[in-house]
């Protein structure tokens, strides 16, 4: 159960980083 929770946590972090990356690109394009 710990492994499953850890996997979910890792996936959540990956999703946040992925969303943040696209947000950064969108913001950069907007300023440009």
PDB file of N, CA and C in Angstrom:
ATOM      1  N   UNK A   1       0.839  -1.193   0.000  1.00  0.00           N
ATOM      2  CA  UNK A   1       0.000   0.000   0.000  1.00  0.00           C
ATOM      3  C   UNK A   1       0.881   1.252   0.000  1.00  0.00           C
ATOM      4  N   UNK A   2       2.007   1.163   0.683  1.00  0.00           N
ATOM      5  CA  UNK A   2       2.927   2.301   0.712  1.00  0.00           C
ATOM      6  C   UNK A   2       3.469   2.572  -0.693  1.00  0.00           C
ATOM      7  N   UNK A   3       3.769   1.497  -1.422  1.00  0.00           N
ATOM      8  CA  UNK A   3       4.309   1.657  -2.775  1.00  0.00           C
ATOM      9  C   UNK A   3       3.282   2.324  -3.681  1.00  0.00           C
ATOM     10  N   UNK A   4       2.020   1.910  -3.532  1.00  0.00           N
ATOM     11  CA  UNK A   4       0.966   2.481  -4.367  1.00  0.00           C
ATOM     12  C   UNK A   4       0.795   3.969  -4.065  1.00  0.00           C
ATOM     13  N   UNK A   5       0.829   4.312  -2.779  1.00  0.00           N
ATOM     14  CA  UNK A   5       0.682   5.713  -2.388  1.00  0.00           C
ATOM     15  C   UNK A   5       1.877   6.525  -2.888  1.00  0.00           C
ATOM     16  N   UNK A   6       3.071   5.926  -2.791  1.00  0.00           N
ATOM     17  CA  UNK A   6       4.276   6.616  -3.230  1.00  0.00           C
ATOM     18  C   UNK A   6       4.227   6.854  -4.735  1.00  0.00           C
ATOM     19  N   UNK A   7       3.698   5.871  -5.479  1.00  0.00           N
ATOM     20  CA  UNK A   7       3.593   6.002  -6.933  1.00  0.00           C
ATOM     21  C   UNK A   7       2.625   7.125  -7.284  1.00  0.00           C
ATOM     22  N   UNK A   8       1.513   7.196  -6.557  1.00  0.00           N
ATOM     23  CA  UNK A   8       0.522   8.241  -6.788  1.00  0.00           C
ATOM     24  C   UNK A   8       1.119   9.616  -6.497  1.00  0.00           C
ATOM     25  N   UNK A   9       1.911   9.703  -5.416  1.00  0.00           N
ATOM     26  CA  UNK A   9       2.535  10.962  -5.037  1.00  0.00           C
ATOM     27  C   UNK A   9       3.524  11.415  -6.110  1.00  0.00           C
ATOM     28  N   UNK A  10       4.289  10.458  -6.644  1.00  0.00           N
ATOM     29  CA  UNK A  10       5.264  10.775  -7.692  1.00  0.00           C
ATOM     30  C   UNK A  10       4.552  11.254  -8.948  1.00  0.00           C
ATOM     31  N   UNK A  11       3.429  10.602  -9.277  1.00  0.00           N
ATOM     32  CA  UNK A  11       2.671  10.983 -10.466  1.00  0.00           C
ATOM     33  C   UNK A  11       2.090  12.380 -10.288  1.00  0.00           C
ATOM     34  N   UNK A  12       1.642  12.685  -9.064  1.00  0.00           N
ATOM     35  CA  UNK A  12       1.065  14.000  -8.783  1.00  0.00           C
ATOM     36  C   UNK A  12       2.124  15.085  -8.951  1.00  0.00           C
ATOM     37  N   UNK A  13       3.327  14.833  -8.445  1.00  0.00           N
ATOM     38  CA  UNK A  13       4.419  15.797  -8.579  1.00  0.00           C
ATOM     39  C   UNK A  13       4.762  15.998 -10.052  1.00  0.00           C
ATOM     40  N   UNK A  14       4.794  14.899 -10.812  1.00  0.00           N
ATOM     41  CA  UNK A  14       5.108  14.973 -12.240  1.00  0.00           C
ATOM     42  C   UNK A  14       4.070  15.824 -12.965  1.00  0.00           C
ATOM     43  N   UNK A  15       2.788  15.651 -12.604  1.00  0.00           N
ATOM     44  CA  UNK A  15       1.713  16.402 -13.243  1.00  0.00           C
ATOM     45  C   UNK A  15       1.837  17.895 -12.934  1.00  0.00           C
ATOM     46  N   UNK A  16       2.163  18.212 -11.675  1.00  0.00           N
ATOM     47  CA  UNK A  16       2.315  19.616 -11.268  1.00  0.00           C
ATOM     48  C   UNK A  16       3.471  20.269 -12.027  1.00  0.00           C
ATOM     49  N   UNK A  17       4.595  19.542 -12.144  1.00  0.00           N
ATOM     50  CA  UNK A  17       5.755  20.076 -12.858  1.00  0.00           C
ATOM     51  C   UNK A  17       5.417  20.261 -14.332  1.00  0.00           C
ATOM     52  N   UNK A  18       4.686  19.296 -14.901  1.00  0.00           N
ATOM     53  CA  UNK A  18       4.316  19.360 -16.319  1.00  0.00           C
ATOM     54  C   UNK A  18       3.409  20.558 -16.582  1.00  0.00           C
ATOM     55  N   UNK A  19       2.419  20.752 -15.688  1.00  0.00           N
ATOM     56  CA  UNK A  19       1.489  21.873 -15.839  1.00  0.00           C
ATOM     57  C   UNK A  19       2.229  23.197 -15.659  1.00  0.00           C
ATOM     58  N   UNK A  20       3.136  23.232 -14.688  1.00  0.00           N
ATOM     59  CA  UNK A  20       3.910  24.445 -14.439  1.00  0.00           C
ATOM     60  C   UNK A  20       4.800  24.793 -15.618  1.00  0.00           C
ATOM     61  N   UNK A  21       5.325  23.757 -16.279  1.00  0.00           N
ATOM     62  CA  UNK A  21       6.196  23.973 -17.436  1.00  0.00           C
ATOM     63  C   UNK A  21       5.421  24.634 -18.570  1.00  0.00           C
ATOM     64  N   UNK A  22       4.212  24.132 -18.833  1.00  0.00           N
ATOM     65  CA  UNK A  22       3.402  24.713 -19.906  1.00  0.00           C
ATOM     66  C   UNK A  22       2.948  26.117 -19.528  1.00  0.00           C
ATOM     67  N   UNK A  23       2.671  26.338 -18.221  1.00  0.00           N
ATOM     68  CA  UNK A  23       2.264  27.668 -17.764  1.00  0.00           C
ATOM     69  C   UNK A  23       3.405  28.655 -17.994  1.00  0.00           C
ATOM     70  N   UNK A  24       4.637  28.202 -17.744  1.00  0.00           N
ATOM     71  CA  UNK A  24       5.809  29.054 -17.939  1.00  0.00           C
ATOM     72  C   UNK A  24       5.975  29.402 -19.413  1.00  0.00           C
ATOM     73  N   UNK A  25       5.789  28.409 -20.287  1.00  0.00           N
ATOM     74  CA  UNK A  25       5.925  28.650 -21.725  1.00  0.00           C
ATOM     75  C   UNK A  25       4.857  29.632 -22.194  1.00  0.00           C
ATOM     76  N   UNK A  26       3.624  29.461 -21.711  1.00  0.00           N
ATOM     77  CA  UNK A  26       2.531  30.339 -22.112  1.00  0.00           C
ATOM     78  C   UNK A  26       2.802  31.764 -21.645  1.00  0.00           C
ATOM     79  N   UNK A  27       3.320  31.912 -20.427  1.00  0.00           N
ATOM     80  CA  UNK A  27       3.626  33.232 -19.882  1.00  0.00           C
ATOM     81  C   UNK A  27       4.767  33.871 -20.675  1.00  0.00           C
ATOM     82  N   UNK A  28       5.765  33.060 -21.022  1.00  0.00           N
ATOM     83  CA  UNK A  28       6.904  33.566 -21.769  1.00  0.00           C
ATOM     84  C   UNK A  28       6.470  34.046 -23.153  1.00  0.00           C
ATOM     85  N   UNK A  29       5.598  33.278 -23.791  1.00  0.00           N
ATOM     86  CA  UNK A  29       5.103  33.651 -25.117  1.00  0.00           C
ATOM     87  C   UNK A  29       4.270  34.927 -25.028  1.00  0.00           C
ATOM     88  N   UNK A  30       3.519  35.075 -23.940  1.00  0.00           N
ATOM     89  CA  UNK A  30       2.664  36.244 -23.774  1.00  0.00           C
ATOM     90  C   UNK A  30       3.520  37.507 -23.616  1.00  0.00           C
ATOM     91  N   UNK A  31       4.587  37.415 -22.812  1.00  0.00           N
ATOM     92  CA  UNK A  31       5.477  38.562 -22.623  1.00  0.00           C
ATOM     93  C   UNK A  31       6.205  38.881 -23.924  1.00  0.00           C
ATOM     94  N   UNK A  32       6.562  37.836 -24.653  1.00  0.00           N
ATOM     95  CA  UNK A  32       7.302  38.028 -25.897  1.00  0.00           C
ATOM     96  C   UNK A  32       6.362  38.632 -26.939  1.00  0.00           C
TER      97      UNK A  32
END
